[in-house]
Amino acid sequence: MIRVQSFESNPRRWGPALALALATALVLGAVARAAGGLDPYDHFFETTFGDFREELEITRDENKKALMIFFEMDECPFCHRMKQTVLNQPEVQAYYREHFRVLSVDVSGDVEVVNFQGETMRQADFAFRENRVRATPVFQFYDAEGEPIVRFTGATSGVEEFMWLGEFVAEGHHKDTNFNRYKRERQAQARQ
């Protein structure tokens, strides 16, 4: 009699197969991360308890150029595009983390936050009433005292424009010109 042993009936054969499956998953995950970038919620946005006075203090303590808040909502296709094509890029994450304290606020969120004056309110009220956010995404930069300094509404055309926006604020160009003029100058430099 010939005895046939199936894969399922021999647990000793599972080891190499499981090891191969795990190795394949790890490699495919690394390739996907390299191609698609890194999760913005892990590598771009800072974790916050929602006390924006405290966030300003951290911004000052870390000598950041500004506090940037990304106003977003789940149903916003432009917010998703920014997260999937720009905010997930390692060079964007590194630059913004170096120069800014970066937070995210859900414009329709019910989570309570503390505004720059110490008042407790819902994220939705902070976005709409305090910051007049009516469309998303909005990238709002605040100085170390909580005063708004630069606002960009909508998605950028890509990584390059978003990096220029960061340079515009971090290097203080916003004090002398507007972002459209600065962007035209950077586009002219890029063509040379």
N, C-alpha and C. Protein backbone atom coordinates (compact mmCIF):
# COMPACT_ATOMS: atom_id res chain seq x y z
N MET A 1 0.83 -1.17 0.00
CA MET A 1 0.00 0.00 0.00
C MET A 1 0.88 1.24 0.00
N ILE A 2 0.50 2.17 -0.85
CA ILE A 2 1.23 3.43 -0.93
C ILE A 2 0.47 4.44 -0.08
N ARG A 3 1.24 5.08 0.78
CA ARG A 3 0.61 6.09 1.64
C ARG A 3 0.94 7.46 1.09
N VAL A 4 -0.09 8.24 0.83
CA VAL A 4 0.08 9.61 0.32
C VAL A 4 -0.15 10.56 1.48
N GLN A 5 0.81 11.41 1.69
CA GLN A 5 0.70 12.36 2.79
C GLN A 5 0.44 13.75 2.18
N SER A 6 -0.64 14.33 2.58
CA SER A 6 -0.95 15.65 2.04
C SER A 6 -0.23 16.72 2.85
N PHE A 7 -0.12 17.89 2.27
CA PHE A 7 0.50 19.05 2.91
C PHE A 7 -0.22 19.38 4.21
N GLU A 8 -1.55 19.32 4.17
CA GLU A 8 -2.34 19.67 5.34
C GLU A 8 -2.12 18.71 6.50
N SER A 9 -1.81 17.47 6.20
CA SER A 9 -1.69 16.49 7.27
C SER A 9 -0.29 16.43 7.86
N ASN A 10 0.65 17.21 7.33
CA ASN A 10 2.01 17.18 7.84
C ASN A 10 2.43 18.59 8.29
N PRO A 11 2.24 18.88 9.57
CA PRO A 11 2.56 20.22 10.06
C PRO A 11 4.03 20.59 9.91
N ARG A 12 4.95 19.59 9.79
CA ARG A 12 6.36 19.92 9.63
C ARG A 12 6.63 20.65 8.32
N ARG A 13 5.77 20.49 7.34
CA ARG A 13 5.97 21.16 6.05
C ARG A 13 5.42 22.60 6.06
N TRP A 14 4.71 22.96 7.09
CA TRP A 14 4.14 24.31 7.16
C TRP A 14 5.23 25.35 7.39
N GLY A 15 6.23 25.01 8.14
CA GLY A 15 7.29 25.96 8.51
C GLY A 15 7.90 26.67 7.31
N PRO A 16 8.48 25.92 6.35
CA PRO A 16 9.08 26.58 5.19
C PRO A 16 8.06 27.38 4.37
N ALA A 17 6.85 26.85 4.24
CA ALA A 17 5.83 27.55 3.46
C ALA A 17 5.43 28.85 4.16
N LEU A 18 5.27 28.80 5.49
CA LEU A 18 4.92 30.02 6.23
C LEU A 18 6.06 31.03 6.19
N ALA A 19 7.28 30.56 6.29
CA ALA A 19 8.43 31.46 6.21
C ALA A 19 8.50 32.14 4.85
N LEU A 20 8.26 31.38 3.79
CA LEU A 20 8.26 31.94 2.44
C LEU A 20 7.12 32.96 2.29
N ALA A 21 5.94 32.65 2.80
CA ALA A 21 4.81 33.57 2.71
C ALA A 21 5.09 34.86 3.48
N LEU A 22 5.68 34.75 4.66
CA LEU A 22 6.01 35.92 5.46
C LEU A 22 7.06 36.78 4.76
N ALA A 23 8.10 36.14 4.24
CA ALA A 23 9.14 36.88 3.53
C ALA A 23 8.56 37.61 2.32
N THR A 24 7.69 36.93 1.58
CA THR A 24 7.06 37.55 0.41
C THR A 24 6.22 38.75 0.84
N ALA A 25 5.46 38.61 1.90
CA ALA A 25 4.63 39.71 2.39
C ALA A 25 5.49 40.90 2.81
N LEU A 26 6.60 40.64 3.48
CA LEU A 26 7.49 41.72 3.91
C LEU A 26 8.10 42.45 2.72
N VAL A 27 8.54 41.70 1.73
CA VAL A 27 9.12 42.31 0.53
C VAL A 27 8.07 43.12 -0.22
N LEU A 28 6.89 42.55 -0.40
CA LEU A 28 5.83 43.28 -1.11
C LEU A 28 5.42 44.52 -0.34
N GLY A 29 5.39 44.45 0.97
CA GLY A 29 5.07 45.62 1.79
C GLY A 29 6.11 46.71 1.64
N ALA A 30 7.39 46.33 1.62
CA ALA A 30 8.46 47.31 1.44
C ALA A 30 8.39 47.95 0.06
N VAL A 31 8.10 47.16 -0.95
CA VAL A 31 7.97 47.70 -2.31
C VAL A 31 6.79 48.67 -2.37
N ALA A 32 5.68 48.30 -1.77
CA ALA A 32 4.50 49.16 -1.77
C ALA A 32 4.77 50.47 -1.05
N ARG A 33 5.47 50.40 0.09
CA ARG A 33 5.80 51.62 0.81
C ARG A 33 6.74 52.50 0.00
N ALA A 34 7.71 51.89 -0.67
CA ALA A 34 8.65 52.66 -1.48
C ALA A 34 7.92 53.33 -2.64
N ALA A 35 7.01 52.62 -3.25
CA ALA A 35 6.28 53.17 -4.40
C ALA A 35 5.22 54.16 -3.97
N GLY A 36 4.52 53.88 -2.89
CA GLY A 36 3.39 54.69 -2.49
C GLY A 36 3.64 55.63 -1.35
N GLY A 37 4.81 55.61 -0.78
CA GLY A 37 5.12 56.50 0.33
C GLY A 37 4.73 55.91 1.67
N LEU A 38 4.84 56.77 2.68
CA LEU A 38 4.60 56.37 4.06
C LEU A 38 3.32 57.02 4.57
N ASP A 39 2.61 56.32 5.41
CA ASP A 39 1.34 56.79 5.95
C ASP A 39 1.51 58.17 6.60
N PRO A 40 0.79 59.19 6.08
CA PRO A 40 0.92 60.53 6.65
C PRO A 40 0.55 60.61 8.13
N TYR A 41 -0.37 59.76 8.58
CA TYR A 41 -0.77 59.81 9.99
C TYR A 41 0.33 59.27 10.91
N ASP A 42 1.27 58.51 10.35
CA ASP A 42 2.40 58.03 11.13
C ASP A 42 3.65 58.86 10.93
N HIS A 43 3.80 59.50 9.76
CA HIS A 43 5.08 60.13 9.41
C HIS A 43 4.99 61.61 9.05
N PHE A 44 3.80 62.17 8.96
CA PHE A 44 3.66 63.59 8.61
C PHE A 44 3.01 64.35 9.76
N PHE A 45 1.84 63.91 10.18
CA PHE A 45 1.11 64.58 11.25
C PHE A 45 1.65 64.18 12.61
N GLU A 46 1.67 65.15 13.53
CA GLU A 46 2.05 64.90 14.91
C GLU A 46 0.83 64.38 15.66
N THR A 47 1.07 63.62 16.68
CA THR A 47 -0.01 63.18 17.58
C THR A 47 -0.32 64.35 18.51
N THR A 48 -1.61 64.59 18.74
CA THR A 48 -2.00 65.71 19.58
C THR A 48 -3.16 65.32 20.49
N PHE A 49 -3.22 66.00 21.63
CA PHE A 49 -4.36 65.84 22.53
C PHE A 49 -5.40 66.92 22.26
N GLY A 50 -5.12 67.79 21.28
CA GLY A 50 -6.09 68.79 20.87
C GLY A 50 -6.05 70.09 21.65
N ASP A 51 -5.01 70.31 22.43
CA ASP A 51 -4.86 71.60 23.12
C ASP A 51 -3.89 72.43 22.29
N PHE A 52 -4.43 73.35 21.50
CA PHE A 52 -3.60 74.10 20.57
C PHE A 52 -2.70 75.11 21.26
N ARG A 53 -3.01 75.53 22.49
CA ARG A 53 -2.07 76.36 23.26
C ARG A 53 -0.81 75.54 23.56
N GLU A 54 -1.02 74.28 23.93
CA GLU A 54 0.11 73.40 24.20
C GLU A 54 0.91 73.15 22.92
N GLU A 55 0.22 73.01 21.81
CA GLU A 55 0.91 72.80 20.53
C GLU A 55 1.77 74.00 20.15
N LEU A 56 1.29 75.21 20.45
CA LEU A 56 2.11 76.40 20.21
C LEU A 56 3.36 76.40 21.08
N GLU A 57 3.19 75.96 22.32
CA GLU A 57 4.33 75.88 23.24
C GLU A 57 5.37 74.88 22.71
N ILE A 58 4.92 73.74 22.22
CA ILE A 58 5.84 72.76 21.64
C ILE A 58 6.51 73.34 20.40
N THR A 59 5.74 74.06 19.58
CA THR A 59 6.29 74.70 18.38
C THR A 59 7.43 75.63 18.77
N ARG A 60 7.22 76.44 19.80
CA ARG A 60 8.27 77.36 20.27
C ARG A 60 9.46 76.59 20.86
N ASP A 61 9.17 75.59 21.71
CA ASP A 61 10.25 74.83 22.36
C ASP A 61 11.13 74.11 21.34
N GLU A 62 10.53 73.65 20.25
CA GLU A 62 11.29 72.92 19.22
C GLU A 62 11.84 73.85 18.14
N ASN A 63 11.69 75.16 18.34
CA ASN A 63 12.18 76.17 17.37
C ASN A 63 11.66 75.93 15.96
N LYS A 64 10.40 75.54 15.87
CA LYS A 64 9.78 75.36 14.56
C LYS A 64 9.39 76.72 14.00
N LYS A 65 9.31 76.82 12.70
CA LYS A 65 8.97 78.08 12.04
C LYS A 65 7.50 78.44 12.20
N ALA A 66 6.65 77.42 12.30
CA ALA A 66 5.20 77.66 12.41
C ALA A 66 4.50 76.38 12.81
N LEU A 67 3.26 76.55 13.23
CA LEU A 67 2.35 75.43 13.44
C LEU A 67 1.46 75.37 12.21
N MET A 68 1.38 74.21 11.57
CA MET A 68 0.52 74.07 10.40
C MET A 68 -0.61 73.11 10.72
N ILE A 69 -1.83 73.54 10.42
CA ILE A 69 -2.99 72.66 10.60
C ILE A 69 -3.58 72.36 9.23
N PHE A 70 -3.77 71.07 8.98
CA PHE A 70 -4.40 70.57 7.76
C PHE A 70 -5.86 70.35 8.10
N PHE A 71 -6.73 71.22 7.58
CA PHE A 71 -8.16 71.06 7.77
C PHE A 71 -8.68 70.14 6.68
N GLU A 72 -9.29 69.02 7.08
CA GLU A 72 -9.73 68.01 6.13
C GLU A 72 -11.07 67.44 6.54
N MET A 73 -11.64 66.62 5.64
CA MET A 73 -12.82 65.83 5.99
C MET A 73 -12.77 64.54 5.20
N ASP A 74 -13.44 63.51 5.73
CA ASP A 74 -13.39 62.18 5.13
C ASP A 74 -13.87 62.14 3.70
N GLU A 75 -14.91 62.90 3.37
CA GLU A 75 -15.51 62.83 2.04
C GLU A 75 -14.78 63.67 1.01
N CYS A 76 -13.70 64.29 1.36
CA CYS A 76 -12.99 65.23 0.47
C CYS A 76 -12.01 64.48 -0.44
N PRO A 77 -12.29 64.42 -1.75
CA PRO A 77 -11.38 63.72 -2.66
C PRO A 77 -10.03 64.41 -2.78
N PHE A 78 -9.99 65.74 -2.63
CA PHE A 78 -8.73 66.46 -2.74
C PHE A 78 -7.86 66.23 -1.50
N CYS A 79 -8.50 66.05 -0.35
CA CYS A 79 -7.76 65.70 0.87
C CYS A 79 -7.11 64.32 0.70
N HIS A 80 -7.89 63.39 0.18
CA HIS A 80 -7.35 62.04 -0.05
C HIS A 80 -6.21 62.06 -1.06
N ARG A 81 -6.37 62.83 -2.12
CA ARG A 81 -5.31 62.92 -3.12
C ARG A 81 -4.03 63.48 -2.50
N MET A 82 -4.15 64.51 -1.67
CA MET A 82 -2.97 65.08 -1.02
C MET A 82 -2.30 64.04 -0.12
N LYS A 83 -3.09 63.29 0.63
CA LYS A 83 -2.52 62.29 1.54
C LYS A 83 -1.87 61.14 0.78
N GLN A 84 -2.44 60.77 -0.38
CA GLN A 84 -1.95 59.61 -1.12
C GLN A 84 -0.83 59.94 -2.10
N THR A 85 -0.67 61.21 -2.47
CA THR A 85 0.35 61.53 -3.48
C THR A 85 1.39 62.54 -3.02
N VAL A 86 1.11 63.29 -1.96
CA VAL A 86 2.04 64.34 -1.53
C VAL A 86 2.47 64.14 -0.07
N LEU A 87 1.51 64.09 0.84
CA LEU A 87 1.85 64.03 2.27
C LEU A 87 2.46 62.70 2.67
N ASN A 88 2.42 61.72 1.79
CA ASN A 88 3.01 60.40 2.08
C ASN A 88 4.44 60.28 1.57
N GLN A 89 4.97 61.32 0.96
CA GLN A 89 6.32 61.26 0.39
C GLN A 89 7.38 61.57 1.45
N PRO A 90 8.41 60.73 1.55
CA PRO A 90 9.41 60.91 2.60
C PRO A 90 10.09 62.28 2.61
N GLU A 91 10.37 62.85 1.43
CA GLU A 91 11.04 64.16 1.41
C GLU A 91 10.11 65.26 1.93
N VAL A 92 8.83 65.15 1.65
CA VAL A 92 7.84 66.10 2.17
C VAL A 92 7.75 65.94 3.68
N GLN A 93 7.64 64.72 4.14
CA GLN A 93 7.52 64.45 5.57
C GLN A 93 8.74 64.96 6.33
N ALA A 94 9.92 64.71 5.80
CA ALA A 94 11.15 65.15 6.48
C ALA A 94 11.23 66.67 6.55
N TYR A 95 10.94 67.34 5.45
CA TYR A 95 11.04 68.80 5.41
C TYR A 95 10.02 69.44 6.36
N TYR A 96 8.79 69.02 6.26
CA TYR A 96 7.75 69.62 7.10
C TYR A 96 7.96 69.29 8.57
N ARG A 97 8.38 68.10 8.89
CA ARG A 97 8.63 67.74 10.30
C ARG A 97 9.80 68.55 10.86
N GLU A 98 10.77 68.87 10.00
CA GLU A 98 11.92 69.66 10.46
C GLU A 98 11.52 71.10 10.77
N HIS A 99 10.66 71.68 9.94
CA HIS A 99 10.38 73.11 10.03
C HIS A 99 9.06 73.47 10.72
N PHE A 100 8.12 72.55 10.80
CA PHE A 100 6.79 72.87 11.31
C PHE A 100 6.29 71.82 12.28
N ARG A 101 5.39 72.24 13.14
CA ARG A 101 4.58 71.30 13.92
C ARG A 101 3.33 71.12 13.08
N VAL A 102 3.00 69.88 12.69
CA VAL A 102 1.94 69.61 11.72
C VAL A 102 0.82 68.80 12.37
N LEU A 103 -0.41 69.35 12.31
CA LEU A 103 -1.57 68.71 12.89
C LEU A 103 -2.68 68.58 11.86
N SER A 104 -3.64 67.72 12.15
CA SER A 104 -4.80 67.54 11.30
C SER A 104 -6.07 67.80 12.10
N VAL A 105 -7.03 68.50 11.48
CA VAL A 105 -8.32 68.76 12.11
C VAL A 105 -9.41 68.35 11.15
N ASP A 106 -10.36 67.57 11.64
CA ASP A 106 -11.51 67.14 10.87
C ASP A 106 -12.57 68.24 10.94
N VAL A 107 -12.89 68.85 9.80
CA VAL A 107 -13.81 70.00 9.80
C VAL A 107 -15.23 69.63 10.21
N SER A 108 -15.55 68.36 10.22
CA SER A 108 -16.87 67.94 10.68
C SER A 108 -16.77 67.12 11.97
N GLY A 109 -15.61 67.19 12.62
CA GLY A 109 -15.36 66.38 13.80
C GLY A 109 -16.03 66.88 15.06
N ASP A 110 -16.44 65.94 15.90
CA ASP A 110 -17.05 66.26 17.18
C ASP A 110 -16.06 66.18 18.34
N VAL A 111 -14.83 65.80 18.06
CA VAL A 111 -13.81 65.71 19.11
C VAL A 111 -13.55 67.12 19.64
N GLU A 112 -13.45 67.23 20.96
CA GLU A 112 -13.21 68.55 21.56
C GLU A 112 -11.74 68.92 21.47
N VAL A 113 -11.49 70.19 21.18
CA VAL A 113 -10.15 70.76 21.15
C VAL A 113 -10.18 72.04 21.98
N VAL A 114 -8.98 72.52 22.30
CA VAL A 114 -8.84 73.79 23.01
C VAL A 114 -8.17 74.76 22.05
N ASN A 115 -8.85 75.88 21.76
CA ASN A 115 -8.31 76.83 20.79
C ASN A 115 -7.14 77.61 21.39
N PHE A 116 -6.59 78.54 20.63
CA PHE A 116 -5.42 79.30 21.06
C PHE A 116 -5.71 80.22 22.24
N GLN A 117 -6.99 80.52 22.49
CA GLN A 117 -7.37 81.36 23.61
C GLN A 117 -7.77 80.54 24.84
N GLY A 118 -7.71 79.22 24.75
CA GLY A 118 -8.03 78.37 25.89
C GLY A 118 -9.48 77.94 25.98
N GLU A 119 -10.27 78.20 24.95
CA GLU A 119 -11.68 77.82 24.95
C GLU A 119 -11.85 76.42 24.36
N THR A 120 -12.68 75.61 25.00
CA THR A 120 -12.96 74.26 24.53
C THR A 120 -14.12 74.30 23.55
N MET A 121 -13.92 73.59 22.43
CA MET A 121 -14.95 73.53 21.39
C MET A 121 -14.73 72.29 20.55
N ARG A 122 -15.71 71.96 19.73
CA ARG A 122 -15.59 70.83 18.79
C ARG A 122 -14.64 71.22 17.65
N GLN A 123 -14.01 70.21 17.05
CA GLN A 123 -13.16 70.47 15.89
C GLN A 123 -13.92 71.22 14.80
N ALA A 124 -15.17 70.84 14.58
CA ALA A 124 -15.99 71.48 13.55
C ALA A 124 -16.14 72.97 13.83
N ASP A 125 -16.33 73.35 15.07
CA ASP A 125 -16.46 74.77 15.42
C ASP A 125 -15.13 75.49 15.28
N PHE A 126 -14.05 74.83 15.68
CA PHE A 126 -12.72 75.42 15.52
C PHE A 126 -12.45 75.70 14.04
N ALA A 127 -12.82 74.76 13.19
CA ALA A 127 -12.59 74.92 11.75
C ALA A 127 -13.49 76.01 11.17
N PHE A 128 -14.78 75.90 11.40
CA PHE A 128 -15.74 76.78 10.73
C PHE A 128 -15.81 78.17 11.38
N ARG A 129 -16.02 78.21 12.68
CA ARG A 129 -16.21 79.51 13.36
C ARG A 129 -14.90 80.25 13.58
N GLU A 130 -13.89 79.52 14.05
CA GLU A 130 -12.62 80.18 14.38
C GLU A 130 -11.77 80.46 13.15
N ASN A 131 -11.81 79.56 12.17
CA ASN A 131 -10.90 79.67 11.03
C ASN A 131 -11.59 79.84 9.68
N ARG A 132 -12.90 79.92 9.68
CA ARG A 132 -13.70 80.13 8.48
C ARG A 132 -13.35 79.16 7.35
N VAL A 133 -13.13 77.92 7.71
CA VAL A 133 -12.86 76.88 6.70
C VAL A 133 -14.20 76.45 6.12
N ARG A 134 -14.34 76.67 4.83
CA ARG A 134 -15.59 76.34 4.16
C ARG A 134 -15.39 75.31 3.05
N ALA A 135 -14.16 75.10 2.67
CA ALA A 135 -13.81 74.10 1.66
C ALA A 135 -12.55 73.39 2.14
N THR A 136 -12.35 72.19 1.69
CA THR A 136 -11.16 71.45 2.11
C THR A 136 -10.43 70.92 0.88
N PRO A 137 -9.14 70.68 1.00
CA PRO A 137 -8.30 70.89 2.18
C PRO A 137 -7.89 72.36 2.33
N VAL A 138 -7.54 72.71 3.56
CA VAL A 138 -6.94 74.00 3.87
C VAL A 138 -5.68 73.73 4.68
N PHE A 139 -4.60 74.34 4.25
CA PHE A 139 -3.34 74.29 4.99
C PHE A 139 -3.17 75.67 5.62
N GLN A 140 -3.32 75.75 6.94
CA GLN A 140 -3.23 77.03 7.64
C GLN A 140 -1.98 77.02 8.51
N PHE A 141 -1.12 78.00 8.29
CA PHE A 141 0.09 78.16 9.09
C PHE A 141 -0.14 79.26 10.11
N TYR A 142 0.32 79.02 11.35
CA TYR A 142 0.21 79.98 12.43
C TYR A 142 1.60 80.25 12.98
N ASP A 143 1.84 81.51 13.37
CA ASP A 143 3.12 81.81 14.00
C ASP A 143 3.11 81.27 15.43
N ALA A 144 4.19 81.46 16.15
CA ALA A 144 4.34 80.88 17.49
C ALA A 144 3.38 81.47 18.51
N GLU A 145 2.69 82.56 18.16
CA GLU A 145 1.69 83.16 19.05
C GLU A 145 0.27 82.76 18.67
N GLY A 146 0.12 81.95 17.63
CA GLY A 146 -1.20 81.51 17.21
C GLY A 146 -1.87 82.42 16.20
N GLU A 147 -1.12 83.35 15.66
CA GLU A 147 -1.67 84.26 14.64
C GLU A 147 -1.54 83.61 13.27
N PRO A 148 -2.59 83.63 12.46
CA PRO A 148 -2.50 83.06 11.11
C PRO A 148 -1.54 83.86 10.25
N ILE A 149 -0.65 83.15 9.54
CA ILE A 149 0.32 83.86 8.69
C ILE A 149 0.18 83.50 7.21
N VAL A 150 -0.11 82.25 6.90
CA VAL A 150 -0.27 81.82 5.51
C VAL A 150 -1.38 80.79 5.46
N ARG A 151 -2.22 80.92 4.42
CA ARG A 151 -3.31 79.97 4.22
C ARG A 151 -3.30 79.55 2.76
N PHE A 152 -3.37 78.23 2.55
CA PHE A 152 -3.46 77.69 1.19
C PHE A 152 -4.69 76.80 1.16
N THR A 153 -5.62 77.11 0.26
CA THR A 153 -6.86 76.35 0.14
C THR A 153 -6.80 75.50 -1.11
N GLY A 154 -7.13 74.22 -0.98
CA GLY A 154 -7.15 73.30 -2.11
C GLY A 154 -5.92 72.42 -2.12
N ALA A 155 -5.91 71.51 -3.08
CA ALA A 155 -4.77 70.61 -3.24
C ALA A 155 -3.70 71.31 -4.06
N THR A 156 -2.45 71.02 -3.76
CA THR A 156 -1.38 71.55 -4.60
C THR A 156 -1.29 70.69 -5.86
N SER A 157 -0.57 71.17 -6.84
CA SER A 157 -0.44 70.43 -8.09
C SER A 157 0.41 69.18 -7.92
N GLY A 158 1.18 69.13 -6.85
CA GLY A 158 2.02 67.96 -6.60
C GLY A 158 3.03 68.25 -5.50
N VAL A 159 4.01 67.38 -5.40
CA VAL A 159 5.03 67.48 -4.36
C VAL A 159 5.81 68.79 -4.48
N GLU A 160 6.21 69.15 -5.70
CA GLU A 160 7.04 70.34 -5.89
C GLU A 160 6.35 71.60 -5.35
N GLU A 161 5.09 71.80 -5.72
CA GLU A 161 4.38 72.99 -5.25
C GLU A 161 4.21 72.97 -3.73
N PHE A 162 3.96 71.80 -3.15
CA PHE A 162 3.80 71.73 -1.71
C PHE A 162 5.13 72.02 -1.00
N MET A 163 6.23 71.58 -1.58
CA MET A 163 7.54 71.89 -1.02
C MET A 163 7.80 73.40 -1.11
N TRP A 164 7.41 74.02 -2.21
CA TRP A 164 7.56 75.46 -2.34
C TRP A 164 6.74 76.20 -1.29
N LEU A 165 5.54 75.69 -1.01
CA LEU A 165 4.71 76.28 0.03
C LEU A 165 5.44 76.23 1.38
N GLY A 166 6.05 75.10 1.67
CA GLY A 166 6.82 74.98 2.91
C GLY A 166 7.99 75.94 2.95
N GLU A 167 8.73 76.05 1.85
CA GLU A 167 9.86 76.99 1.78
C GLU A 167 9.37 78.43 1.95
N PHE A 168 8.25 78.74 1.32
CA PHE A 168 7.66 80.07 1.37
C PHE A 168 7.46 80.52 2.81
N VAL A 169 6.99 79.61 3.65
CA VAL A 169 6.76 79.95 5.06
C VAL A 169 8.04 79.83 5.87
N ALA A 170 8.75 78.71 5.73
CA ALA A 170 9.93 78.45 6.57
C ALA A 170 11.03 79.49 6.35
N GLU A 171 11.18 79.97 5.12
CA GLU A 171 12.23 80.94 4.82
C GLU A 171 11.76 82.38 4.96
N GLY A 172 10.51 82.58 5.36
CA GLY A 172 10.01 83.92 5.63
C GLY A 172 9.62 84.74 4.41
N HIS A 173 9.50 84.10 3.24
CA HIS A 173 9.13 84.84 2.03
C HIS A 173 7.72 85.43 2.14
N HIS A 174 6.88 84.83 2.97
CA HIS A 174 5.51 85.32 3.14
C HIS A 174 5.46 86.74 3.70
N LYS A 175 6.55 87.20 4.28
CA LYS A 175 6.60 88.56 4.83
C LYS A 175 6.75 89.61 3.74
N ASP A 176 7.28 89.18 2.57
CA ASP A 176 7.59 90.13 1.50
C ASP A 176 6.74 90.00 0.25
N THR A 177 6.12 88.84 0.05
CA THR A 177 5.39 88.61 -1.19
C THR A 177 4.26 87.61 -0.95
N ASN A 178 3.46 87.38 -1.97
CA ASN A 178 2.42 86.36 -1.83
C ASN A 178 2.90 85.05 -2.47
N PHE A 179 2.18 83.97 -2.19
CA PHE A 179 2.65 82.66 -2.64
C PHE A 179 2.62 82.52 -4.16
N ASN A 180 1.65 83.10 -4.84
CA ASN A 180 1.60 82.99 -6.31
C ASN A 180 2.83 83.61 -6.95
N ARG A 181 3.25 84.77 -6.48
CA ARG A 181 4.45 85.41 -7.01
C ARG A 181 5.69 84.55 -6.71
N TYR A 182 5.77 84.07 -5.47
CA TYR A 182 6.90 83.22 -5.08
C TYR A 182 6.94 81.97 -5.95
N LYS A 183 5.79 81.37 -6.19
CA LYS A 183 5.71 80.15 -7.01
C LYS A 183 6.18 80.43 -8.44
N ARG A 184 5.79 81.55 -9.01
CA ARG A 184 6.25 81.90 -10.37
C ARG A 184 7.76 82.02 -10.42
N GLU A 185 8.34 82.63 -9.38
CA GLU A 185 9.81 82.76 -9.31
C GLU A 185 10.46 81.38 -9.25
N ARG A 186 9.91 80.50 -8.44
CA ARG A 186 10.47 79.14 -8.29
C ARG A 186 10.31 78.36 -9.60
N GLN A 187 9.19 78.54 -10.30
CA GLN A 187 8.99 77.86 -11.59
C GLN A 187 10.01 78.35 -12.61
N ALA A 188 10.29 79.64 -12.60
CA ALA A 188 11.30 80.20 -13.53
C ALA A 188 12.68 79.64 -13.20
N GLN A 189 13.00 79.52 -11.92
CA GLN A 189 14.28 78.94 -11.52
C GLN A 189 14.39 77.49 -11.94
N ALA A 190 13.28 76.76 -11.82
CA ALA A 190 13.29 75.33 -12.16
C ALA A 190 13.49 75.11 -13.66
N ARG A 191 13.05 76.06 -14.49
CA ARG A 191 13.22 75.94 -15.95
C ARG A 191 14.64 76.23 -16.40
N GLN A 192 15.40 76.95 -15.58
CA GLN A 192 16.76 77.33 -15.98
C GLN A 192 17.73 76.20 -15.83
